Each structure stands twice: as structure tokens, then as C-alpha cells.
């Protein structure tokens, strides 16, 4: 018969002790929120479905959607040039 503390330790998992802040940061945990806005905008602008059926054409369609979305974002929001930014600060 196992004690209550042994059962609680089993429920928490074997890898629970390895989930330290430094290890999670080193492994990149918590960085998903950096890309979520891009995917949200991509699905909003290009639709969330693919018309292709085979893996290769789905990959191609996805690549073209990402490229088109990046070009459209670049056209709508061009990066500031240094002199434009400097002029705004003066």
C-alpha cells in the first residue's frame, strides 16, 4: 500500500521536478505568443481552410498564402526609415 504523499508524487508526474524556470526558458517555453498574432492575421486575411487535397499541394498553397500575407502586410505597413523616425522625434 502506498502512502498518500507517494500517490500525490505520482499524480504530479515524473518530470515535474525538471520544470524549473531556467530550463523552461532555455527550452523556449512561453514563446508561442510571439507567433500567435501572425497566424491569427493570416487566417483572418487568407481564410482558415485549404482547397488542396494532397500534402505537396497543401504545402505549396500554405507557402503562397504566407507569402501573400507577408507582402500585403509590408504594403500596408511599410517599415519606417531612419530619417522618418528621426524626423518624428524632433
PDB file of N, CA and C in Angstrom:
ATOM      1  N   UNK A   1       0.842  -1.183   0.000  1.00  0.00           N
ATOM      2  CA  UNK A   1       0.000   0.000   0.000  1.00  0.00           C
ATOM      3  C   UNK A   1       0.884   1.241   0.000  1.00  0.00           C
ATOM      4  N   UNK A   2       0.590   2.172  -0.898  1.00  0.00           N
ATOM      5  CA  UNK A   2       1.370   3.397  -0.987  1.00  0.00           C
ATOM      6  C   UNK A   2       0.804   4.458  -0.054  1.00  0.00           C
ATOM      7  N   UNK A   3       1.689   5.308   0.407  1.00  0.00           N
ATOM      8  CA  UNK A   3       1.251   6.391   1.277  1.00  0.00           C
ATOM      9  C   UNK A   3       0.635   7.502   0.438  1.00  0.00           C
ATOM     10  N   UNK A   4      -0.032   8.397   1.108  1.00  0.00           N
ATOM     11  CA  UNK A   4      -0.676   9.498   0.397  1.00  0.00           C
ATOM     12  C   UNK A   4       0.348  10.382  -0.307  1.00  0.00           C
ATOM     13  N   UNK A   5       1.470  10.655   0.310  1.00  0.00           N
ATOM     14  CA  UNK A   5       2.487  11.504  -0.320  1.00  0.00           C
ATOM     15  C   UNK A   5       3.068  10.829  -1.563  1.00  0.00           C
ATOM     16  N   UNK A   6       3.189   9.515  -1.554  1.00  0.00           N
ATOM     17  CA  UNK A   6       3.689   8.807  -2.736  1.00  0.00           C
ATOM     18  C   UNK A   6       2.673   8.886  -3.869  1.00  0.00           C
ATOM     19  N   UNK A   7       1.399   8.804  -3.551  1.00  0.00           N
ATOM     20  CA  UNK A   7       0.363   8.915  -4.577  1.00  0.00           C
ATOM     21  C   UNK A   7       0.311  10.317  -5.165  1.00  0.00           C
ATOM     22  N   UNK A   8       0.485  11.330  -4.312  1.00  0.00           N
ATOM     23  CA  UNK A   8       0.491  12.708  -4.798  1.00  0.00           C
ATOM     24  C   UNK A   8       1.693  12.925  -5.705  1.00  0.00           C
ATOM     25  N   UNK A   9       2.846  12.367  -5.353  1.00  0.00           N
ATOM     26  CA  UNK A   9       4.045  12.497  -6.184  1.00  0.00           C
ATOM     27  C   UNK A   9       3.840  11.828  -7.536  1.00  0.00           C
ATOM     28  N   UNK A  10       3.161  10.694  -7.564  1.00  0.00           N
ATOM     29  CA  UNK A  10       2.893  10.013  -8.822  1.00  0.00           C
ATOM     30  C   UNK A  10       1.945  10.823  -9.696  1.00  0.00           C
ATOM     31  N   UNK A  11       0.960  11.438  -9.078  1.00  0.00           N
ATOM     32  CA  UNK A  11      -0.014  12.220  -9.827  1.00  0.00           C
ATOM     33  C   UNK A  11       0.642  13.456 -10.455  1.00  0.00           C
ATOM     34  N   UNK A  12       1.612  14.021  -9.778  1.00  0.00           N
ATOM     35  CA  UNK A  12       2.278  15.216 -10.301  1.00  0.00           C
ATOM     36  C   UNK A  12       3.180  14.893 -11.479  1.00  0.00           C
ATOM     37  N   UNK A  13       3.605  13.690 -11.604  1.00  0.00           N
ATOM     38  CA  UNK A  13       4.404  13.299 -12.766  1.00  0.00           C
ATOM     39  C   UNK A  13       5.884  13.190 -12.465  1.00  0.00           C
ATOM     40  N   UNK A  14       6.533  12.428 -13.273  1.00  0.00           N
ATOM     41  CA  UNK A  14       7.956  12.174 -13.111  1.00  0.00           C
ATOM     42  C   UNK A  14       8.770  13.415 -13.466  1.00  0.00           C
ATOM     43  N   UNK A  15       8.325  14.160 -14.467  1.00  0.00           N
ATOM     44  CA  UNK A  15       9.105  15.280 -14.984  1.00  0.00           C
ATOM     45  C   UNK A  15       8.794  16.611 -14.305  1.00  0.00           C
ATOM     46  N   UNK A  16       7.937  16.591 -13.311  1.00  0.00           N
ATOM     47  CA  UNK A  16       7.544  17.830 -12.645  1.00  0.00           C
ATOM     48  C   UNK A  16       8.737  18.549 -12.017  1.00  0.00           C
ATOM     49  N   UNK A  17       9.676  17.799 -11.471  1.00  0.00           N
ATOM     50  CA  UNK A  17      10.844  18.410 -10.829  1.00  0.00           C
ATOM     51  C   UNK A  17      11.769  19.059 -11.855  1.00  0.00           C
ATOM     52  N   UNK A  18      11.667  18.672 -13.115  1.00  0.00           N
ATOM     53  CA  UNK A  18      12.519  19.239 -14.159  1.00  0.00           C
ATOM     54  C   UNK A  18      11.959  20.548 -14.709  1.00  0.00           C
ATOM     55  N   UNK A  19      10.763  20.923 -14.313  1.00  0.00           N
ATOM     56  CA  UNK A  19      10.120  22.127 -14.838  1.00  0.00           C
ATOM     57  C   UNK A  19      10.553  23.367 -14.043  1.00  0.00           C
ATOM     58  N   UNK A  20      11.840  23.654 -14.082  1.00  0.00           N
ATOM     59  CA  UNK A  20      12.352  24.845 -13.418  1.00  0.00           C
ATOM     60  C   UNK A  20      12.272  26.024 -14.385  1.00  0.00           C
ATOM     61  N   UNK A  21      12.280  27.211 -13.847  1.00  0.00           N
ATOM     62  CA  UNK A  21      12.159  28.412 -14.683  1.00  0.00           C
ATOM     63  C   UNK A  21      13.311  28.522 -15.683  1.00  0.00           C
ATOM     64  N   UNK A  22      14.513  28.221 -15.238  1.00  0.00           N
ATOM     65  CA  UNK A  22      15.661  28.342 -16.147  1.00  0.00           C
ATOM     66  C   UNK A  22      15.589  27.317 -17.275  1.00  0.00           C
ATOM     67  N   UNK A  23      15.160  26.103 -16.960  1.00  0.00           N
ATOM     68  CA  UNK A  23      15.066  25.085 -18.006  1.00  0.00           C
ATOM     69  C   UNK A  23      13.950  25.422 -18.999  1.00  0.00           C
ATOM     70  N   UNK A  24      12.813  25.858 -18.493  1.00  0.00           N
ATOM     71  CA  UNK A  24      11.711  26.220 -19.384  1.00  0.00           C
ATOM     72  C   UNK A  24      12.110  27.367 -20.308  1.00  0.00           C
ATOM     73  N   UNK A  25      12.840  28.355 -19.781  1.00  0.00           N
ATOM     74  CA  UNK A  25      13.286  29.464 -20.609  1.00  0.00           C
ATOM     75  C   UNK A  25      14.286  28.983 -21.660  1.00  0.00           C
ATOM     76  N   UNK A  26      15.202  28.107 -21.260  1.00  0.00           N
ATOM     77  CA  UNK A  26      16.205  27.578 -22.178  1.00  0.00           C
ATOM     78  C   UNK A  26      15.559  26.755 -23.295  1.00  0.00           C
ATOM     79  N   UNK A  27      14.501  26.027 -22.975  1.00  0.00           N
ATOM     80  CA  UNK A  27      13.817  25.185 -23.959  1.00  0.00           C
ATOM     81  C   UNK A  27      12.863  25.990 -24.852  1.00  0.00           C
ATOM     82  N   UNK A  28      12.633  27.266 -24.522  1.00  0.00           N
ATOM     83  CA  UNK A  28      11.775  28.107 -25.349  1.00  0.00           C
ATOM     84  C   UNK A  28      10.306  28.064 -24.958  1.00  0.00           C
ATOM     85  N   UNK A  29      10.014  27.571 -23.776  1.00  0.00           N
ATOM     86  CA  UNK A  29       8.629  27.516 -23.316  1.00  0.00           C
ATOM     87  C   UNK A  29       8.111  28.931 -23.085  1.00  0.00           C
ATOM     88  N   UNK A  30       6.897  29.196 -23.542  1.00  0.00           N
ATOM     89  CA  UNK A  30       6.297  30.504 -23.328  1.00  0.00           C
ATOM     90  C   UNK A  30       6.543  31.475 -24.467  1.00  0.00           C
ATOM     91  N   UNK A  31       7.083  31.007 -25.582  1.00  0.00           N
ATOM     92  CA  UNK A  31       7.347  31.903 -26.710  1.00  0.00           C
ATOM     93  C   UNK A  31       6.295  31.784 -27.799  1.00  0.00           C
ATOM     94  N   UNK A  32       5.298  30.946 -27.588  1.00  0.00           N
ATOM     95  CA  UNK A  32       4.268  30.765 -28.605  1.00  0.00           C
ATOM     96  C   UNK A  32       3.490  32.051 -28.859  1.00  0.00           C
ATOM     97  N   UNK A  33       3.330  32.861 -27.853  1.00  0.00           N
ATOM     98  CA  UNK A  33       2.552  34.093 -28.007  1.00  0.00           C
ATOM     99  C   UNK A  33       3.204  35.055 -28.987  1.00  0.00           C
ATOM    100  N   UNK A  34       4.488  34.864 -29.306  1.00  0.00           N
ATOM    101  CA  UNK A  34       5.144  35.731 -30.285  1.00  0.00           C
ATOM    102  C   UNK A  34       4.587  35.510 -31.692  1.00  0.00           C
ATOM    103  N   UNK A  35       4.207  34.285 -32.024  1.00  0.00           N
ATOM    104  CA  UNK A  35       3.766  33.975 -33.386  1.00  0.00           C
ATOM    105  C   UNK A  35       2.246  33.928 -33.526  1.00  0.00           C
ATOM    106  N   UNK A  36       1.531  33.859 -32.429  1.00  0.00           N
ATOM    107  CA  UNK A  36       0.074  33.753 -32.492  1.00  0.00           C
ATOM    108  C   UNK A  36      -0.584  34.928 -33.219  1.00  0.00           C
ATOM    109  N   UNK A  37      -0.163  36.175 -33.013  1.00  0.00           N
ATOM    110  CA  UNK A  37      -0.793  37.275 -33.767  1.00  0.00           C
ATOM    111  C   UNK A  37      -0.608  37.145 -35.280  1.00  0.00           C
ATOM    112  N   UNK A  38       0.551  36.635 -35.717  1.00  0.00           N
ATOM    113  CA  UNK A  38       0.774  36.458 -37.150  1.00  0.00           C
ATOM    114  C   UNK A  38      -0.192  35.424 -37.716  1.00  0.00           C
ATOM    115  N   UNK A  39      -0.319  34.279 -37.037  1.00  0.00           N
ATOM    116  CA  UNK A  39      -1.216  33.241 -37.528  1.00  0.00           C
ATOM    117  C   UNK A  39      -2.674  33.687 -37.489  1.00  0.00           C
ATOM    118  N   UNK A  40      -3.030  34.465 -36.482  1.00  0.00           N
ATOM    119  CA  UNK A  40      -4.395  34.980 -36.404  1.00  0.00           C
ATOM    120  C   UNK A  40      -4.688  35.907 -37.583  1.00  0.00           C
ATOM    121  N   UNK A  41      -3.760  36.808 -37.876  1.00  0.00           N
ATOM    122  CA  UNK A  41      -3.934  37.713 -39.015  1.00  0.00           C
ATOM    123  C   UNK A  41      -3.921  36.975 -40.341  1.00  0.00           C
ATOM    124  N   UNK A  42      -3.078  35.951 -40.442  1.00  0.00           N
ATOM    125  CA  UNK A  42      -3.008  35.150 -41.661  1.00  0.00           C
ATOM    126  C   UNK A  42      -4.345  34.468 -41.928  1.00  0.00           C
ATOM    127  N   UNK A  43      -4.910  33.852 -40.906  1.00  0.00           N
ATOM    128  CA  UNK A  43      -6.190  33.163 -41.092  1.00  0.00           C
ATOM    129  C   UNK A  43      -7.328  34.147 -41.350  1.00  0.00           C
ATOM    130  N   UNK A  44      -7.248  35.332 -40.749  1.00  0.00           N
ATOM    131  CA  UNK A  44      -8.286  36.335 -40.975  1.00  0.00           C
ATOM    132  C   UNK A  44      -8.235  36.866 -42.407  1.00  0.00           C
ATOM    133  N   UNK A  45      -7.015  37.097 -42.931  1.00  0.00           N
ATOM    134  CA  UNK A  45      -6.871  37.674 -44.264  1.00  0.00           C
ATOM    135  C   UNK A  45      -7.003  36.641 -45.379  1.00  0.00           C
ATOM    136  N   UNK A  46      -6.514  35.429 -45.151  1.00  0.00           N
ATOM    137  CA  UNK A  46      -6.442  34.440 -46.224  1.00  0.00           C
ATOM    138  C   UNK A  46      -7.438  33.288 -46.064  1.00  0.00           C
ATOM    139  N   UNK A  47      -8.150  33.266 -44.975  1.00  0.00           N
ATOM    140  CA  UNK A  47      -9.077  32.161 -44.735  1.00  0.00           C
ATOM    141  C   UNK A  47      -8.385  31.030 -43.986  1.00  0.00           C
ATOM    142  N   UNK A  48      -9.164  30.251 -43.289  1.00  0.00           N
ATOM    143  CA  UNK A  48      -8.583  29.213 -42.441  1.00  0.00           C
ATOM    144  C   UNK A  48      -8.615  27.833 -43.084  1.00  0.00           C
ATOM    145  N   UNK A  49      -9.070  27.729 -44.314  1.00  0.00           N
ATOM    146  CA  UNK A  49      -9.143  26.427 -44.967  1.00  0.00           C
ATOM    147  C   UNK A  49      -8.252  26.394 -46.202  1.00  0.00           C
ATOM    148  N   UNK A  50      -7.887  25.186 -46.593  1.00  0.00           N
ATOM    149  CA  UNK A  50      -7.108  24.968 -47.814  1.00  0.00           C
ATOM    150  C   UNK A  50      -7.966  24.207 -48.802  1.00  0.00           C
ATOM    151  N   UNK A  51      -7.847  24.531 -50.080  1.00  0.00           N
ATOM    152  CA  UNK A  51      -8.608  23.839 -51.116  1.00  0.00           C
ATOM    153  C   UNK A  51      -7.876  22.598 -51.611  1.00  0.00           C
ATOM    154  N   UNK A  52      -6.580  22.530 -51.358  1.00  0.00           N
ATOM    155  CA  UNK A  52      -5.765  21.418 -51.850  1.00  0.00           C
ATOM    156  C   UNK A  52      -6.060  20.135 -51.083  1.00  0.00           C
ATOM    157  N   UNK A  53      -5.745  19.012 -51.731  1.00  0.00           N
ATOM    158  CA  UNK A  53      -6.004  17.714 -51.105  1.00  0.00           C
ATOM    159  C   UNK A  53      -4.745  16.918 -50.797  1.00  0.00           C
ATOM    160  N   UNK A  54      -3.722  17.043 -51.632  1.00  0.00           N
ATOM    161  CA  UNK A  54      -2.509  16.257 -51.389  1.00  0.00           C
ATOM    162  C   UNK A  54      -1.538  17.069 -50.538  1.00  0.00           C
ATOM    163  N   UNK A  55      -0.620  16.368 -49.891  1.00  0.00           N
ATOM    164  CA  UNK A  55       0.314  17.028 -48.973  1.00  0.00           C
ATOM    165  C   UNK A  55       1.169  18.074 -49.686  1.00  0.00           C
ATOM    166  N   UNK A  56       1.672  17.756 -50.858  1.00  0.00           N
ATOM    167  CA  UNK A  56       2.556  18.686 -51.561  1.00  0.00           C
ATOM    168  C   UNK A  56       1.805  19.940 -51.994  1.00  0.00           C
ATOM    169  N   UNK A  57       0.580  19.787 -52.465  1.00  0.00           N
ATOM    170  CA  UNK A  57      -0.174  20.974 -52.880  1.00  0.00           C
ATOM    171  C   UNK A  57      -0.668  21.775 -51.667  1.00  0.00           C
ATOM    172  N   UNK A  58      -0.946  21.091 -50.545  1.00  0.00           N
ATOM    173  CA  UNK A  58      -1.298  21.820 -49.321  1.00  0.00           C
ATOM    174  C   UNK A  58      -0.113  22.644 -48.838  1.00  0.00           C
ATOM    175  N   UNK A  59       1.082  22.060 -48.927  1.00  0.00           N
ATOM    176  CA  UNK A  59       2.290  22.792 -48.530  1.00  0.00           C
ATOM    177  C   UNK A  59       2.500  23.997 -49.433  1.00  0.00           C
ATOM    178  N   UNK A  60       2.336  23.806 -50.740  1.00  0.00           N
ATOM    179  CA  UNK A  60       2.500  24.915 -51.682  1.00  0.00           C
ATOM    180  C   UNK A  60       1.466  26.009 -51.456  1.00  0.00           C
ATOM    181  N   UNK A  61       0.226  25.617 -51.252  1.00  0.00           N
ATOM    182  CA  UNK A  61      -0.837  26.602 -51.021  1.00  0.00           C
ATOM    183  C   UNK A  61      -0.584  27.392 -49.741  1.00  0.00           C
ATOM    184  N   UNK A  62      -0.146  26.697 -48.703  1.00  0.00           N
ATOM    185  CA  UNK A  62       0.161  27.366 -47.437  1.00  0.00           C
ATOM    186  C   UNK A  62       1.315  28.344 -47.615  1.00  0.00           C
ATOM    187  N   UNK A  63       2.348  27.915 -48.343  1.00  0.00           N
ATOM    188  CA  UNK A  63       3.501  28.793 -48.571  1.00  0.00           C
ATOM    189  C   UNK A  63       3.085  30.045 -49.341  1.00  0.00           C
ATOM    190  N   UNK A  64       2.244  29.879 -50.347  1.00  0.00           N
ATOM    191  CA  UNK A  64       1.787  31.039 -51.113  1.00  0.00           C
ATOM    192  C   UNK A  64       0.908  31.957 -50.270  1.00  0.00           C
ATOM    193  N   UNK A  65       0.088  31.386 -49.396  1.00  0.00           N
ATOM    194  CA  UNK A  65      -0.742  32.223 -48.521  1.00  0.00           C
ATOM    195  C   UNK A  65       0.119  33.026 -47.558  1.00  0.00           C
ATOM    196  N   UNK A  66       1.140  32.394 -47.000  1.00  0.00           N
ATOM    197  CA  UNK A  66       2.039  33.093 -46.080  1.00  0.00           C
ATOM    198  C   UNK A  66       2.785  34.195 -46.822  1.00  0.00           C
ATOM    199  N   UNK A  67       3.265  33.902 -48.015  1.00  0.00           N
ATOM    200  CA  UNK A  67       3.972  34.895 -48.818  1.00  0.00           C
ATOM    201  C   UNK A  67       3.054  36.069 -49.169  1.00  0.00           C
ATOM    202  N   UNK A  68       1.841  35.773 -49.616  1.00  0.00           N
ATOM    203  CA  UNK A  68       0.888  36.831 -49.973  1.00  0.00           C
ATOM    204  C   UNK A  68       0.536  37.679 -48.757  1.00  0.00           C
ATOM    205  N   UNK A  69       0.379  37.045 -47.606  1.00  0.00           N
ATOM    206  CA  UNK A  69       0.057  37.778 -46.382  1.00  0.00           C
ATOM    207  C   UNK A  69       1.219  38.692 -45.986  1.00  0.00           C
ATOM    208  N   UNK A  70       2.446  38.192 -46.100  1.00  0.00           N
ATOM    209  CA  UNK A  70       3.618  38.994 -45.749  1.00  0.00           C
ATOM    210  C   UNK A  70       3.764  40.182 -46.695  1.00  0.00           C
ATOM    211  N   UNK A  71       3.518  39.955 -47.988  1.00  0.00           N
ATOM    212  CA  UNK A  71       3.602  41.054 -48.958  1.00  0.00           C
ATOM    213  C   UNK A  71       2.518  42.088 -48.692  1.00  0.00           C
ATOM    214  N   UNK A  72       1.316  41.628 -48.389  1.00  0.00           N
ATOM    215  CA  UNK A  72       0.218  42.544 -48.116  1.00  0.00           C
ATOM    216  C   UNK A  72       0.480  43.363 -46.857  1.00  0.00           C
ATOM    217  N   UNK A  73       0.997  42.722 -45.819  1.00  0.00           N
ATOM    218  CA  UNK A  73       1.329  43.447 -44.591  1.00  0.00           C
ATOM    219  C   UNK A  73       2.428  44.470 -44.839  1.00  0.00           C
ATOM    220  N   UNK A  74       3.415  44.092 -45.664  1.00  0.00           N
ATOM    221  CA  UNK A  74       4.510  45.004 -45.981  1.00  0.00           C
ATOM    222  C   UNK A  74       3.988  46.211 -46.749  1.00  0.00           C
ATOM    223  N   UNK A  75       3.045  45.987 -47.660  1.00  0.00           N
ATOM    224  CA  UNK A  75       2.487  47.082 -48.443  1.00  0.00           C
ATOM    225  C   UNK A  75       1.630  48.010 -47.582  1.00  0.00           C
ATOM    226  N   UNK A  76       0.885  47.438 -46.654  1.00  0.00           N
ATOM    227  CA  UNK A  76       0.014  48.246 -45.800  1.00  0.00           C
ATOM    228  C   UNK A  76       0.783  48.984 -44.714  1.00  0.00           C
ATOM    229  N   UNK A  77       1.833  48.359 -44.195  1.00  0.00           N
ATOM    230  CA  UNK A  77       2.606  48.932 -43.093  1.00  0.00           C
ATOM    231  C   UNK A  77       4.090  48.866 -43.416  1.00  0.00           C
ATOM    232  N   UNK A  78       4.573  49.759 -44.298  1.00  0.00           N
ATOM    233  CA  UNK A  78       6.000  49.720 -44.624  1.00  0.00           C
ATOM    234  C   UNK A  78       6.838  50.101 -43.409  1.00  0.00           C
ATOM    235  N   UNK A  79       8.033  49.545 -43.312  1.00  0.00           N
ATOM    236  CA  UNK A  79       8.879  49.881 -42.156  1.00  0.00           C
ATOM    237  C   UNK A  79       9.329  51.336 -42.235  1.00  0.00           C
ATOM    238  N   UNK A  80       9.499  51.936 -41.069  1.00  0.00           N
ATOM    239  CA  UNK A  80       9.951  53.323 -41.012  1.00  0.00           C
ATOM    240  C   UNK A  80      11.425  53.407 -41.374  1.00  0.00           C
ATOM    241  N   UNK A  81      11.762  54.378 -42.167  1.00  0.00           N
ATOM    242  CA  UNK A  81      13.166  54.656 -42.461  1.00  0.00           C
ATOM    243  C   UNK A  81      13.750  55.421 -41.277  1.00  0.00           C
ATOM    244  N   UNK A  82      15.061  55.384 -41.137  1.00  0.00           N
ATOM    245  CA  UNK A  82      15.691  56.041 -40.006  1.00  0.00           C
ATOM    246  C   UNK A  82      15.394  57.536 -40.000  1.00  0.00           C
ATOM    247  N   UNK A  83      15.458  58.178 -41.172  1.00  0.00           N
ATOM    248  CA  UNK A  83      15.227  59.628 -41.202  1.00  0.00           C
ATOM    249  C   UNK A  83      13.774  59.969 -40.894  1.00  0.00           C
ATOM    250  N   UNK A  84      12.826  59.081 -41.232  1.00  0.00           N
ATOM    251  CA  UNK A  84      11.430  59.338 -40.873  1.00  0.00           C
ATOM    252  C   UNK A  84      11.258  59.271 -39.351  1.00  0.00           C
ATOM    253  N   UNK A  85      11.886  58.258 -38.759  1.00  0.00           N
ATOM    254  CA  UNK A  85      11.790  58.100 -37.317  1.00  0.00           C
ATOM    255  C   UNK A  85      12.480  59.267 -36.620  1.00  0.00           C
ATOM    256  N   UNK A  86      13.635  59.679 -37.118  1.00  0.00           N
ATOM    257  CA  UNK A  86      14.375  60.787 -36.543  1.00  0.00           C
ATOM    258  C   UNK A  86      13.585  62.094 -36.687  1.00  0.00           C
ATOM    259  N   UNK A  87      12.928  62.281 -37.821  1.00  0.00           N
ATOM    260  CA  UNK A  87      12.132  63.484 -38.040  1.00  0.00           C
ATOM    261  C   UNK A  87      10.956  63.562 -37.075  1.00  0.00           C
ATOM    262  N   UNK A  88      10.347  62.416 -36.767  1.00  0.00           N
ATOM    263  CA  UNK A  88       9.209  62.388 -35.839  1.00  0.00           C
ATOM    264  C   UNK A  88       9.643  62.758 -34.434  1.00  0.00           C
ATOM    265  N   UNK A  89      10.872  62.420 -34.079  1.00  0.00           N
ATOM    266  CA  UNK A  89      11.343  62.693 -32.726  1.00  0.00           C
ATOM    267  C   UNK A  89      11.760  64.138 -32.513  1.00  0.00           C
ATOM    268  N   UNK A  90      11.994  64.856 -33.620  1.00  0.00           N
ATOM    269  CA  UNK A  90      12.450  66.253 -33.476  1.00  0.00           C
ATOM    270  C   UNK A  90      11.336  67.194 -33.134  1.00  0.00           C
TER     271      UNK A  90
END
